[in-house]
């Protein structure tokens, strides 16, 4: 039995709920290329939605063999 009435209890999201995997995610934010993300307002955990992400038009091909060749320009 608690000393606080049920109607007087707060519904504040706590860090202990985040540790149990129950995050309080905010609104979706568009990151670009159809990628959407949400942040937990309590602990900062990130949820990423890739269901609307754009596909590549072709394979990514680089003409440089090493990173050093990029710095020689």
N, C-alpha and C. Protein backbone atom coordinates (compact mmCIF):
# COMPACT_ATOMS: atom_id res chain seq x y z
N UNK A 1 0.85 -1.17 0.00
CA UNK A 1 0.00 0.00 0.00
C UNK A 1 0.89 1.23 0.00
N UNK A 2 0.53 2.19 -0.76
CA UNK A 2 1.32 3.41 -0.85
C UNK A 2 0.59 4.55 -0.15
N UNK A 3 1.36 5.52 0.26
CA UNK A 3 0.77 6.67 0.93
C UNK A 3 0.29 7.74 -0.05
N UNK A 4 0.56 7.54 -1.35
CA UNK A 4 0.15 8.50 -2.36
C UNK A 4 -1.08 7.94 -3.09
N UNK A 5 -2.06 8.75 -3.25
CA UNK A 5 -3.25 8.33 -3.97
C UNK A 5 -2.93 8.12 -5.44
N UNK A 6 -3.65 7.24 -6.07
CA UNK A 6 -3.39 6.92 -7.48
C UNK A 6 -3.55 8.14 -8.37
N UNK A 7 -4.52 8.99 -8.11
CA UNK A 7 -4.72 10.18 -8.94
C UNK A 7 -3.67 11.25 -8.69
N UNK A 8 -2.94 11.16 -7.58
CA UNK A 8 -1.91 12.15 -7.26
C UNK A 8 -0.53 11.73 -7.75
N UNK A 9 -0.39 10.48 -8.22
CA UNK A 9 0.91 10.03 -8.70
C UNK A 9 1.25 10.69 -10.02
N UNK A 10 2.52 10.99 -10.21
CA UNK A 10 2.96 11.60 -11.46
C UNK A 10 3.23 10.52 -12.49
N UNK A 11 3.16 10.88 -13.73
CA UNK A 11 3.47 9.95 -14.81
C UNK A 11 4.83 10.30 -15.43
N UNK A 12 5.72 10.84 -14.63
CA UNK A 12 7.03 11.24 -15.10
C UNK A 12 7.84 10.01 -15.50
N UNK A 13 8.46 10.09 -16.64
CA UNK A 13 9.29 8.99 -17.13
C UNK A 13 10.62 9.05 -16.40
N UNK A 14 11.07 7.94 -15.90
CA UNK A 14 12.30 7.90 -15.11
C UNK A 14 13.37 7.07 -15.82
N UNK A 15 14.63 7.28 -15.40
CA UNK A 15 15.76 6.57 -15.97
C UNK A 15 15.65 5.06 -15.74
N UNK A 16 15.01 4.66 -14.64
CA UNK A 16 14.86 3.23 -14.37
C UNK A 16 14.00 2.56 -15.45
N UNK A 17 13.05 3.28 -16.01
CA UNK A 17 12.24 2.73 -17.10
C UNK A 17 13.10 2.55 -18.35
N UNK A 18 14.04 3.47 -18.59
CA UNK A 18 14.94 3.35 -19.75
C UNK A 18 15.83 2.12 -19.60
N UNK A 19 16.30 1.85 -18.40
CA UNK A 19 17.14 0.68 -18.18
C UNK A 19 16.38 -0.61 -18.45
N UNK A 20 15.08 -0.57 -18.32
CA UNK A 20 14.24 -1.74 -18.59
C UNK A 20 13.81 -1.80 -20.06
N UNK A 21 14.26 -0.83 -20.86
CA UNK A 21 13.95 -0.82 -22.29
C UNK A 21 12.68 -0.06 -22.65
N UNK A 22 12.10 0.65 -21.70
CA UNK A 22 10.88 1.42 -21.96
C UNK A 22 11.26 2.89 -22.09
N UNK A 23 11.65 3.29 -23.29
CA UNK A 23 12.10 4.64 -23.55
C UNK A 23 10.93 5.57 -23.84
N UNK A 24 11.17 6.86 -23.66
CA UNK A 24 10.17 7.89 -23.94
C UNK A 24 10.63 8.65 -25.18
N UNK A 25 10.40 8.05 -26.36
CA UNK A 25 10.88 8.65 -27.60
C UNK A 25 10.02 9.85 -27.98
N UNK A 26 10.68 10.88 -28.49
CA UNK A 26 10.00 12.07 -28.95
C UNK A 26 9.54 11.91 -30.39
N UNK A 27 9.34 13.02 -31.05
CA UNK A 27 8.85 13.02 -32.43
C UNK A 27 9.97 12.59 -33.39
N UNK A 28 9.56 12.10 -34.56
CA UNK A 28 10.53 11.73 -35.59
C UNK A 28 11.23 12.96 -36.12
N UNK A 29 12.52 12.82 -36.43
CA UNK A 29 13.31 13.88 -37.06
C UNK A 29 13.86 13.32 -38.36
N UNK A 30 13.75 14.07 -39.44
CA UNK A 30 14.26 13.64 -40.74
C UNK A 30 15.76 13.92 -40.78
N UNK A 31 16.56 12.86 -40.93
CA UNK A 31 18.00 12.99 -40.99
C UNK A 31 18.46 13.24 -42.42
N UNK A 32 17.67 12.80 -43.38
CA UNK A 32 18.00 12.94 -44.79
C UNK A 32 17.96 11.58 -45.46
N UNK A 33 17.75 11.57 -46.75
CA UNK A 33 17.70 10.35 -47.56
C UNK A 33 16.63 9.39 -47.06
N UNK A 34 15.56 9.91 -46.47
CA UNK A 34 14.47 9.07 -46.00
C UNK A 34 14.71 8.41 -44.66
N UNK A 35 15.80 8.73 -43.99
CA UNK A 35 16.12 8.15 -42.69
C UNK A 35 15.48 9.00 -41.61
N UNK A 36 14.74 8.34 -40.73
CA UNK A 36 14.06 9.04 -39.64
C UNK A 36 14.64 8.56 -38.31
N UNK A 37 14.80 9.48 -37.36
CA UNK A 37 15.31 9.08 -36.05
C UNK A 37 14.47 9.70 -34.95
N UNK A 38 14.48 9.03 -33.81
CA UNK A 38 13.81 9.52 -32.62
C UNK A 38 14.78 9.40 -31.46
N UNK A 39 14.73 10.36 -30.55
CA UNK A 39 15.59 10.36 -29.37
C UNK A 39 14.74 10.19 -28.12
N UNK A 40 15.27 9.40 -27.17
CA UNK A 40 14.61 9.29 -25.87
C UNK A 40 14.88 10.59 -25.12
N UNK A 41 13.82 11.20 -24.63
CA UNK A 41 13.96 12.48 -23.96
C UNK A 41 14.60 12.37 -22.59
N UNK A 42 14.69 11.15 -22.05
CA UNK A 42 15.28 10.96 -20.73
C UNK A 42 16.75 10.59 -20.79
N UNK A 43 17.09 9.56 -21.59
CA UNK A 43 18.47 9.07 -21.58
C UNK A 43 19.24 9.35 -22.87
N UNK A 44 18.57 9.78 -23.93
CA UNK A 44 19.25 10.09 -25.18
C UNK A 44 19.43 8.91 -26.11
N UNK A 45 18.80 7.77 -25.83
CA UNK A 45 18.90 6.62 -26.73
C UNK A 45 18.30 6.99 -28.09
N UNK A 46 18.83 6.38 -29.15
CA UNK A 46 18.42 6.71 -30.50
C UNK A 46 17.71 5.52 -31.13
N UNK A 47 16.59 5.79 -31.81
CA UNK A 47 15.88 4.80 -32.59
C UNK A 47 15.88 5.30 -34.04
N UNK A 48 16.33 4.44 -34.96
CA UNK A 48 16.42 4.83 -36.37
C UNK A 48 15.46 4.00 -37.20
N UNK A 49 14.68 4.66 -38.05
CA UNK A 49 13.72 4.00 -38.94
C UNK A 49 14.25 4.11 -40.36
N UNK A 50 14.58 2.97 -40.95
CA UNK A 50 15.12 2.94 -42.31
C UNK A 50 14.09 2.47 -43.33
N UNK A 51 12.84 2.37 -42.95
CA UNK A 51 11.83 1.82 -43.85
C UNK A 51 11.57 2.70 -45.07
N UNK A 52 11.86 4.00 -44.99
CA UNK A 52 11.65 4.89 -46.12
C UNK A 52 12.97 5.36 -46.73
N UNK A 53 14.08 4.72 -46.35
CA UNK A 53 15.39 5.14 -46.84
C UNK A 53 15.51 4.88 -48.33
N UNK A 54 16.22 5.77 -49.01
CA UNK A 54 16.43 5.64 -50.44
C UNK A 54 17.48 4.57 -50.71
N UNK A 55 17.31 3.86 -51.80
CA UNK A 55 18.31 2.88 -52.21
C UNK A 55 19.34 3.56 -53.09
N UNK A 56 20.54 3.00 -53.13
CA UNK A 56 21.58 3.53 -53.99
C UNK A 56 21.22 3.27 -55.44
N UNK A 57 21.53 4.22 -56.31
CA UNK A 57 21.26 4.08 -57.74
C UNK A 57 22.25 3.12 -58.39
N UNK A 58 23.44 3.05 -57.84
CA UNK A 58 24.48 2.16 -58.36
C UNK A 58 25.50 1.90 -57.28
N UNK A 59 26.43 1.02 -57.54
CA UNK A 59 27.45 0.72 -56.52
C UNK A 59 28.38 1.91 -56.30
N UNK A 60 28.86 2.03 -55.08
CA UNK A 60 29.81 3.09 -54.76
C UNK A 60 31.20 2.59 -55.13
N UNK A 61 31.81 3.26 -56.10
CA UNK A 61 33.13 2.87 -56.58
C UNK A 61 34.08 4.02 -56.35
N UNK A 62 35.20 3.74 -55.73
CA UNK A 62 36.20 4.78 -55.51
C UNK A 62 37.38 4.56 -56.45
N UNK A 63 37.96 5.65 -56.89
CA UNK A 63 39.13 5.55 -57.78
C UNK A 63 40.43 5.65 -57.00
N UNK A 64 40.33 5.88 -55.71
CA UNK A 64 41.52 6.02 -54.87
C UNK A 64 41.77 4.72 -54.12
N UNK A 65 43.03 4.31 -54.10
CA UNK A 65 43.33 3.04 -53.45
C UNK A 65 43.52 3.18 -51.94
N UNK A 66 44.04 4.32 -51.50
CA UNK A 66 44.26 4.52 -50.07
C UNK A 66 43.83 5.92 -49.67
N UNK A 67 43.75 6.15 -48.41
CA UNK A 67 43.39 7.47 -47.92
C UNK A 67 44.53 8.47 -48.14
N UNK A 68 45.73 7.98 -48.22
CA UNK A 68 46.87 8.86 -48.47
C UNK A 68 46.78 9.51 -49.84
N UNK A 69 46.23 8.80 -50.81
CA UNK A 69 46.13 9.37 -52.16
C UNK A 69 45.15 10.54 -52.18
N UNK A 70 44.22 10.59 -51.25
CA UNK A 70 43.29 11.73 -51.19
C UNK A 70 44.00 12.98 -50.66
N UNK A 71 44.99 12.82 -49.80
CA UNK A 71 45.66 13.99 -49.20
C UNK A 71 46.75 14.55 -50.10
N UNK A 72 47.09 13.89 -51.17
CA UNK A 72 48.17 14.37 -52.06
C UNK A 72 47.68 15.38 -53.06
N UNK A 73 46.44 15.69 -53.08
CA UNK A 73 45.90 16.62 -54.07
C UNK A 73 46.36 18.00 -53.86
